[in-house]
Protein backbone atom coordinates (compact mmCIF):
# COMPACT_ATOMS: atom_id res chain seq x y z
CA MET A 1 29.69 97.70 120.24
CA ARG A 2 27.19 94.76 119.35
CA ARG A 3 26.66 94.42 122.92
CA CYS A 4 25.39 98.04 123.01
CA ALA A 5 23.53 97.84 120.01
CA ARG A 6 21.73 94.54 120.96
CA LEU A 7 20.70 96.16 124.33
CA VAL A 8 19.17 99.32 122.69
CA SER A 9 17.36 97.25 120.06
CA LEU A 10 16.02 95.09 122.79
CA LEU A 11 14.77 97.79 124.96
CA ILE A 12 13.49 100.35 122.62
CA ARG A 13 12.91 98.03 119.67
CA ALA A 14 15.01 100.06 117.40
CA PRO A 15 17.83 98.79 114.99
CA ALA A 16 21.50 98.89 116.04
CA SER A 17 22.16 101.61 113.19
CA SER A 18 19.49 103.89 115.08
CA CYS A 19 22.31 105.25 117.30
CA VAL A 20 21.90 109.09 117.38
CA ALA A 21 24.51 112.07 117.62
CA ARG A 22 24.97 113.70 120.89
CA SER A 23 21.95 115.95 121.94
CA THR A 24 21.83 118.80 124.40
CA SER A 25 20.66 116.58 127.05
CA GLU A 26 22.96 114.00 128.78
CA THR A 27 24.57 111.49 126.29
CA ILE A 28 25.47 107.82 127.30
CA SER A 29 27.94 106.50 124.67
CA HIS A 30 30.59 103.96 123.94
CA GLU A 31 32.50 104.42 120.81
CA CYS A 32 30.39 105.08 117.94
CA CYS A 33 27.17 103.67 119.96
CA THR A 34 25.10 106.69 121.52
CA THR A 35 21.80 107.02 122.76
CA THR A 36 20.09 109.83 124.59
CA GLN A 37 18.38 110.10 127.82
CA THR A 38 15.05 111.24 126.16
CA SER A 39 14.94 108.36 123.61
CA LEU A 40 14.83 105.62 126.56
CA PRO A 41 12.94 105.06 129.62
CA LYS A 42 14.64 105.43 132.85
CA LEU A 43 14.82 101.92 133.50
CA ALA A 44 16.57 101.34 130.20
CA GLN A 45 19.02 104.21 130.67
CA GLU A 46 20.02 102.76 134.03
CA PHE A 47 20.50 99.47 132.58
CA ILE A 48 22.77 100.48 129.94
CA ARG A 49 24.83 102.68 132.16
CA ARG A 50 25.57 99.54 134.16
CA GLN A 51 26.62 97.54 131.56
CA LEU A 52 28.83 100.16 130.05
CA HIS A 53 30.49 100.52 133.38
CA SER A 54 31.16 96.67 133.85
CA GLY A 55 32.52 93.80 132.05
CA ARG A 56 34.52 94.31 128.81
CA ALA A 57 33.10 97.88 128.17
CA ALA A 58 35.09 98.93 131.15
CA LYS A 59 38.24 97.83 129.58
CA ASP A 60 37.81 100.64 126.72
CA HIS A 61 37.44 103.67 128.94
CA TRP A 62 38.40 105.28 132.04
CA VAL A 63 37.16 107.88 134.28
CA ASP A 64 39.40 110.80 135.27
CA SER A 65 39.27 112.55 138.88
CA ARG A 66 36.72 114.90 137.78
CA GLY A 67 34.11 112.13 136.78
CA TYR A 68 34.57 112.54 132.96
CA GLN A 69 34.70 109.48 130.79
CA HIS A 70 37.46 109.02 128.34
CA PHE A 71 37.23 106.34 125.57
CA GLU A 72 39.85 104.17 123.56
CA ASN A 73 42.35 106.45 121.37
CA ARG A 74 40.57 109.57 122.61
CA GLY A 75 41.95 109.66 126.21
CA ARG A 76 45.24 109.59 128.17
CA GLY A 77 48.57 108.55 126.86
CA SER A 78 47.36 108.81 123.15
CA PHE A 79 49.36 111.97 122.64
CA PHE A 80 52.85 110.10 123.75
CA THR A 81 52.29 107.03 121.67
CA GLY A 82 54.44 105.55 118.93
CA ARG A 83 57.31 107.74 117.39
CA ARG A 84 55.88 110.95 118.31
CA PRO A 85 57.58 111.59 121.96
CA TRP A 86 60.93 110.64 120.10
CA TYR A 87 60.34 113.49 117.46
CA ILE A 88 59.42 116.13 120.20
CA LEU A 89 62.64 115.32 122.19
CA GLY A 90 64.69 115.40 119.16
CA GLY A 91 63.29 118.74 117.92
CA ALA A 92 63.58 120.28 121.44
CA GLY A 93 67.17 118.98 121.81
CA LEU A 94 68.21 120.46 118.66
CA THR A 95 66.47 123.88 119.31
CA PHE A 96 68.15 124.09 122.78
CA SER A 97 71.69 123.01 121.37
CA VAL A 98 71.33 125.80 118.51
CA TYR A 99 70.19 128.47 121.20
CA TYR A 100 72.92 127.32 123.89
CA TYR A 101 75.68 127.76 121.27
CA SER A 102 74.14 131.27 120.04
CA CYS A 103 74.39 132.28 123.76
CA LEU A 104 78.16 131.33 124.36
CA GLU A 105 80.40 134.05 125.54
CA ARG A 106 83.94 134.13 126.91
CA VAL A 107 84.95 135.44 130.11
CA PRO A 108 87.91 138.05 129.81
CA TYR A 109 91.17 137.02 131.40
CA THR A 110 90.31 133.55 132.20
CA GLY A 111 88.93 132.60 128.53
CA ARG A 112 86.45 130.24 130.20
CA SER A 113 83.36 130.03 128.01
CA HIS A 114 79.90 130.25 129.37
CA SER A 115 76.27 130.46 127.93
CA ILE A 116 73.89 133.17 129.27
CA MET A 117 70.45 131.82 128.50
CA PHE A 118 66.96 133.53 129.08
CA VAL A 119 68.53 136.45 130.56
CA SER A 120 69.17 139.84 128.89
CA ARG A 121 71.31 142.50 129.84
CA GLN A 122 68.36 144.88 130.21
CA GLN A 123 66.84 142.38 132.71
CA GLU A 124 70.31 142.20 134.52
CA LYS A 125 70.75 145.88 134.86
CA SER A 126 67.13 146.19 136.10
CA LEU A 127 67.19 143.57 138.64
CA GLY A 128 70.70 145.17 140.08
CA LYS A 129 69.15 148.90 140.22
CA ILE A 130 66.12 147.40 142.15
CA ILE A 131 68.12 145.63 144.79
CA PHE A 132 70.68 148.57 145.03
CA GLU A 133 67.78 150.96 145.77
CA MET A 134 66.36 148.75 148.04
CA GLN A 135 69.52 148.42 150.34
CA ARG A 136 70.27 152.09 150.02
CA GLN A 137 66.68 153.18 151.20
CA GLU A 138 66.94 150.64 154.17
CA ALA A 139 70.34 152.08 155.13
CA ALA A 140 69.00 155.43 154.91
CA MET A 141 66.01 154.59 157.04
CA GLN A 142 68.38 153.39 159.86
CA ARG A 143 70.70 156.55 159.05
CA ALA A 144 73.50 154.17 158.35
CA LEU A 145 73.95 155.51 154.72
CA LEU A 146 77.31 157.70 154.47
CA PRO A 147 76.86 160.88 152.50
CA ASP A 148 78.59 161.46 149.21
CA ASN A 149 80.87 163.91 150.69
CA HIS A 150 82.01 161.63 153.46
CA PRO A 151 85.84 160.71 152.96
CA MET A 152 85.40 156.88 152.96
CA VAL A 153 82.60 157.45 150.21
CA GLN A 154 85.22 159.55 148.40
CA LEU A 155 88.02 157.24 148.51
CA VAL A 156 85.78 154.14 147.24
CA LYS A 157 84.75 156.10 144.37
CA LYS A 158 88.26 157.04 143.41
CA ILE A 159 89.36 153.66 143.64
CA GLY A 160 86.44 152.06 141.87
CA ALA A 161 86.53 154.63 139.13
CA ARG A 162 90.33 153.56 138.38
CA VAL A 163 89.58 149.74 138.41
CA ALA A 164 86.29 150.26 136.27
CA ALA A 165 88.23 152.00 133.56
CA VAL A 166 90.52 149.14 133.02
CA ALA A 167 87.76 146.79 133.32
CA SER A 168 85.87 148.17 130.28
CA ASP A 169 88.69 148.84 128.04
CA GLY A 170 88.72 145.37 126.44
CA GLY A 171 92.34 144.46 127.73
CA GLY A 172 91.58 141.19 128.85
CA GLY A 173 90.03 139.77 125.71
CA GLY A 174 86.68 137.90 125.87
CA ASN A 175 83.39 139.64 126.07
CA SER A 176 83.29 142.94 127.60
CA GLU A 177 80.85 144.79 125.83
CA HIS A 178 78.21 144.92 128.69
CA MET A 179 80.86 146.79 130.54
CA LYS A 180 80.83 150.14 128.31
CA ASP A 181 77.80 151.63 129.07
CA LEU A 182 77.63 150.93 133.02
CA GLN A 183 76.79 153.69 135.44
CA TRP A 184 78.97 152.62 138.57
CA GLU A 185 77.48 153.48 141.87
CA TYR A 186 78.81 153.19 145.54
CA ALA A 187 77.08 153.06 148.73
CA ILE A 188 79.08 152.95 151.86
CA ILE A 189 77.00 151.71 154.96
CA ALA A 190 78.14 152.13 158.52
CA SER A 191 78.11 148.57 159.95
CA PRO A 192 80.78 146.57 161.69
CA ILE A 193 80.30 143.61 159.36
CA PRO A 194 83.66 143.25 157.13
CA ASN A 195 81.98 143.01 154.08
CA ALA A 196 81.21 144.16 150.29
CA PHE A 197 78.98 142.87 147.54
CA VAL A 198 78.03 143.93 144.08
CA VAL A 199 74.88 143.56 142.23
CA PRO A 200 74.39 143.42 138.20
CA GLY A 201 74.85 146.88 136.69
CA GLY A 202 77.90 147.85 138.54
CA LYS A 203 76.11 148.99 141.83
CA VAL A 204 78.70 148.18 144.76
CA VAL A 205 78.07 148.36 148.45
CA VAL A 206 80.72 148.44 151.23
CA PHE A 207 80.47 148.31 154.84
CA THR A 208 82.42 150.40 157.06
CA GLY A 209 83.69 147.46 158.87
CA LEU A 210 85.72 146.26 155.85
CA ILE A 211 87.22 149.77 155.54
CA ASP A 212 88.16 149.91 159.10
CA LEU A 213 89.71 146.63 159.03
CA LEU A 214 91.79 147.03 155.94
CA ARG A 215 93.21 150.52 156.35
CA SER A 216 95.11 150.50 153.24
CA GLU A 217 93.99 151.94 149.97
CA GLU A 218 95.78 149.04 148.24
CA GLU A 219 93.80 146.38 150.01
CA LEU A 220 90.67 148.11 149.59
CA ALA A 221 91.42 148.34 145.93
CA ALA A 222 91.61 144.47 146.09
CA VAL A 223 88.18 144.07 147.38
CA LEU A 224 86.71 146.60 144.74
CA ALA A 225 88.74 144.81 141.94
CA HIS A 226 87.01 141.45 143.10
CA GLU A 227 83.68 142.88 143.10
CA THR A 228 84.30 144.50 139.55
CA ALA A 229 85.31 141.12 138.23
CA HIS A 230 82.12 139.45 139.09
CA VAL A 231 80.42 142.06 136.84
CA LEU A 232 83.00 141.84 134.22
CA ALA A 233 82.44 138.02 134.41
CA ARG A 234 78.84 138.12 134.33
CA HIS A 235 78.55 135.80 137.45
CA HIS A 236 74.98 137.23 138.24
CA ALA A 237 73.50 136.57 134.80
CA GLU A 238 75.15 133.09 134.62
CA ARG A 239 73.43 132.32 138.14
CA MET A 240 70.19 133.51 136.88
CA SER A 241 70.55 131.33 133.51
CA THR A 242 71.26 128.38 135.74
CA MET A 243 68.18 128.85 137.69
CA ASN A 244 66.11 129.40 134.83
CA LEU A 245 67.39 126.07 133.28
CA TRP A 246 66.65 124.37 136.50
CA SER A 247 62.88 125.36 136.56
CA LEU A 248 62.79 124.17 133.12
CA ALA A 249 64.21 120.89 134.15
CA LYS A 250 62.05 120.45 136.76
CA PHE A 251 58.80 121.10 134.92
CA LEU A 252 59.85 118.49 132.01
CA SER A 253 60.83 116.00 134.92
CA TYR A 254 57.34 116.51 136.22
CA VAL A 255 55.70 116.35 133.18
CA LEU A 256 57.52 113.23 131.70
CA LEU A 257 58.30 111.20 134.91
CA GLY A 258 55.55 112.29 137.27
CA PHE A 259 57.67 113.96 139.86
CA GLY A 260 59.84 117.29 140.24
CA LEU A 261 63.40 117.52 140.97
CA PRO A 262 64.41 118.11 144.58
CA ASP A 263 65.49 121.90 145.22
CA ALA A 264 68.22 120.56 147.34
CA ALA A 265 70.03 118.85 144.53
CA LEU A 266 70.00 122.33 143.00
CA TYR A 267 71.54 124.12 146.18
CA LEU A 268 74.03 121.43 147.22
CA GLY A 269 74.99 120.12 143.68
CA ILE A 270 74.72 123.07 141.50
CA PHE A 271 74.55 126.55 143.42
CA LEU A 272 77.10 126.17 146.14
CA PRO A 273 79.70 124.79 143.79
CA TYR A 274 79.32 127.24 141.10
CA SER A 275 79.22 129.88 143.82
CA ARG A 276 82.72 128.58 145.08
CA ARG A 277 84.20 128.48 141.69
CA ALA A 278 82.79 132.04 140.75
CA GLU A 279 84.81 133.49 144.00
CA HIS A 280 88.06 131.83 142.54
CA GLU A 281 87.39 133.10 139.26
CA ALA A 282 86.91 136.56 140.40
CA ASP A 283 89.91 136.44 142.66
CA VAL A 284 92.16 135.71 139.49
CA ILE A 285 90.31 138.66 137.44
CA GLY A 286 90.41 140.98 140.17
CA LEU A 287 93.76 140.50 140.82
CA ARG A 288 94.89 141.19 137.01
CA LEU A 289 92.45 144.44 137.21
CA MET A 290 93.94 145.95 140.28
CA ALA A 291 97.40 145.32 138.66
CA ARG A 292 96.52 147.18 135.57
CA ALA A 293 95.09 149.93 137.55
CA CYS A 294 98.45 150.34 138.98
CA TYR A 295 97.51 148.78 142.41
CA ASP A 296 100.11 146.43 143.99
CA PRO A 297 98.73 143.00 143.29
CA GLY A 298 100.49 141.78 146.67
CA ALA A 299 98.03 143.56 148.73
CA CYS A 300 95.47 141.04 147.89
CA THR A 301 97.21 138.41 149.89
CA THR A 302 97.43 140.74 152.98
CA MET A 303 93.67 141.40 152.33
CA LEU A 304 92.83 138.19 152.52
CA ALA A 305 94.93 137.23 155.53
CA LYS A 306 93.10 140.03 157.46
CA LEU A 307 89.59 138.63 156.31
CA ASN A 308 90.64 134.83 157.21
CA ALA A 309 91.78 136.31 160.78
CA LYS A 310 88.33 138.06 161.16
CA GLU A 311 86.79 134.99 160.18
CA GLN A 312 88.49 132.31 162.47
CA GLU A 313 88.13 135.02 165.49
CA ALA A 314 84.21 134.84 164.65
CA GLU A 315 84.08 131.02 164.50
CA ARG A 316 85.84 130.67 167.98
CA GLN A 317 83.42 133.11 169.53
CA SER A 318 80.45 131.25 167.93
CA ARG A 319 82.01 127.78 168.49
CA PHE A 320 80.72 126.60 165.20
CA SER A 321 82.41 126.40 161.76
CA THR A 322 80.53 126.01 158.69
CA PRO A 323 81.47 122.80 156.49
CA ALA A 324 83.35 123.56 153.57
CA PHE A 325 80.75 121.98 151.00
CA LEU A 326 78.15 124.22 152.46
CA ARG A 327 79.90 127.48 152.14
CA THR A 328 79.17 129.88 149.34
CA HIS A 329 82.70 131.22 149.30
CA PRO A 330 85.59 128.90 149.15
CA LEU A 331 88.09 128.44 152.22
CA THR A 332 90.43 131.59 152.64
CA GLU A 333 93.37 129.49 152.79
CA SER A 334 92.69 128.02 149.42
CA ARG A 335 91.88 131.52 147.81
CA VAL A 336 95.37 132.63 149.54
CA ASP A 337 97.26 130.01 147.59
CA LEU A 338 95.44 130.51 144.30
CA VAL A 339 96.53 134.33 144.57
CA ARG A 340 99.99 133.53 145.26
CA LYS A 341 100.30 131.45 142.12
CA GLU A 342 98.63 134.14 140.02
CA LEU A 343 101.07 136.83 141.32
CA PRO A 344 103.75 136.39 138.85
CA VAL A 345 101.30 137.15 135.96
CA ALA A 346 99.78 139.99 137.67
CA TYR A 347 103.13 141.71 138.55
CA LYS A 348 103.83 141.30 134.79
CA LEU A 349 100.84 142.97 133.92
CA TYR A 350 101.70 145.62 136.72
CA GLU A 351 105.08 146.29 134.85
CA GLU A 352 103.60 146.03 131.41
CA SER A 353 101.03 148.89 132.28
CA GLY A 354 103.75 151.02 133.22
CA CYS A 355 102.90 151.11 137.01
CA GLY A 356 106.28 150.19 138.25
CA LEU A 357 107.69 153.44 136.59
CA VAL A 358 105.01 155.55 137.43
CA GLN A 359 105.15 154.36 141.40
CA GLY A 360 108.97 154.87 141.09
CA MET A 361 108.50 158.56 139.88
CA LEU A 362 105.91 159.27 142.51
CA GLN A 363 108.05 158.18 145.42
CA GLN A 364 110.96 160.36 144.07
CA PHE A 365 108.54 163.33 143.88
CA MET A 366 107.38 162.78 147.37
CA GLN A 367 111.08 162.51 148.69
CA LEU A 368 111.43 166.06 147.14
CA LEU A 369 108.54 167.42 148.82
CA ASP A 370 109.79 165.80 152.02
CA PRO A 371 113.35 165.11 151.99
CA PRO A 372 115.02 162.87 154.61
CA PRO A 373 116.60 164.67 157.70
CA LEU A 374 120.39 165.18 157.55
CA GLU A 375 122.62 163.07 159.44
CA PRO A 376 124.59 164.81 162.33
CA GLY A 377 127.85 166.29 161.38
CA TRP A 378 126.40 168.23 158.11
């Protein structure tokens, strides 16, 4: 400051206290010392400018990428000095903890707790509606969408209605409020792919290749129960919540650390492991849903066995097998093992729901309508 004042006083023969405020013209300043372009000769202005950008003056200010000068205690890093960052981080952590626990829900049948954050039920339904309509329109343009009066469509709707009814009655405990006002829709698409999927809001897509492969109402019920379980457990909303949290963490790491988190870490470390766990959970929940809907739970194992055989055939033809850690679904063998462990619980629900009695009465009724042939000699 003394150096600046001495230079100004020597060059314009004015005292150091004659520093004036910033005018409309360009200002040359250092801390509280300011002089205007109009009050000094050009030679003096150039001399002062060079002095300000050299020696001790350069230590008290810095220039950003756009050419702006920032002076001491008014520039970069001043906001994150002292205890302020710790107060900010502590407040943010407390706020996030309160919000996290306020969003906790319990998954029916399994009792697992998860927090659905930054995703509303209306957003979930809207997203599912958009995806489902796009899939229907694309199939219709390719003339692959089966009409509502097609036997396959009628069969899928009948099975789906029975499973959806038990999924929304709260019989599995936990949170199932989001199931009560769903409008279930089913689209059957002519395609050799043995697959089916569901989107948020109760919109199910089934390919005819899967129906042709199973050829059993019980096995098809196992598929639809599995897809219904995804909606009941809100797996889509949980995945959306995880993506939102990842975006927030990536932003904070960029601001605080100077670099963003790699997306590969999200895909390999979070997305794929969660997808495989969600499939296992959907198998467990779906097994109990189909049991309560009076479908034989044992059909789930035969359904998975057929899918496994189809998958192995495709791998032999392509001569390539995706590693387990890169799969969105767990290995079918592990899914079969899990289902077999859960069968005793499923059959207990099957009996408690009166399904065994109903099935026995139905078989007796069918025998009356179509009695077995008499043995010779009668």
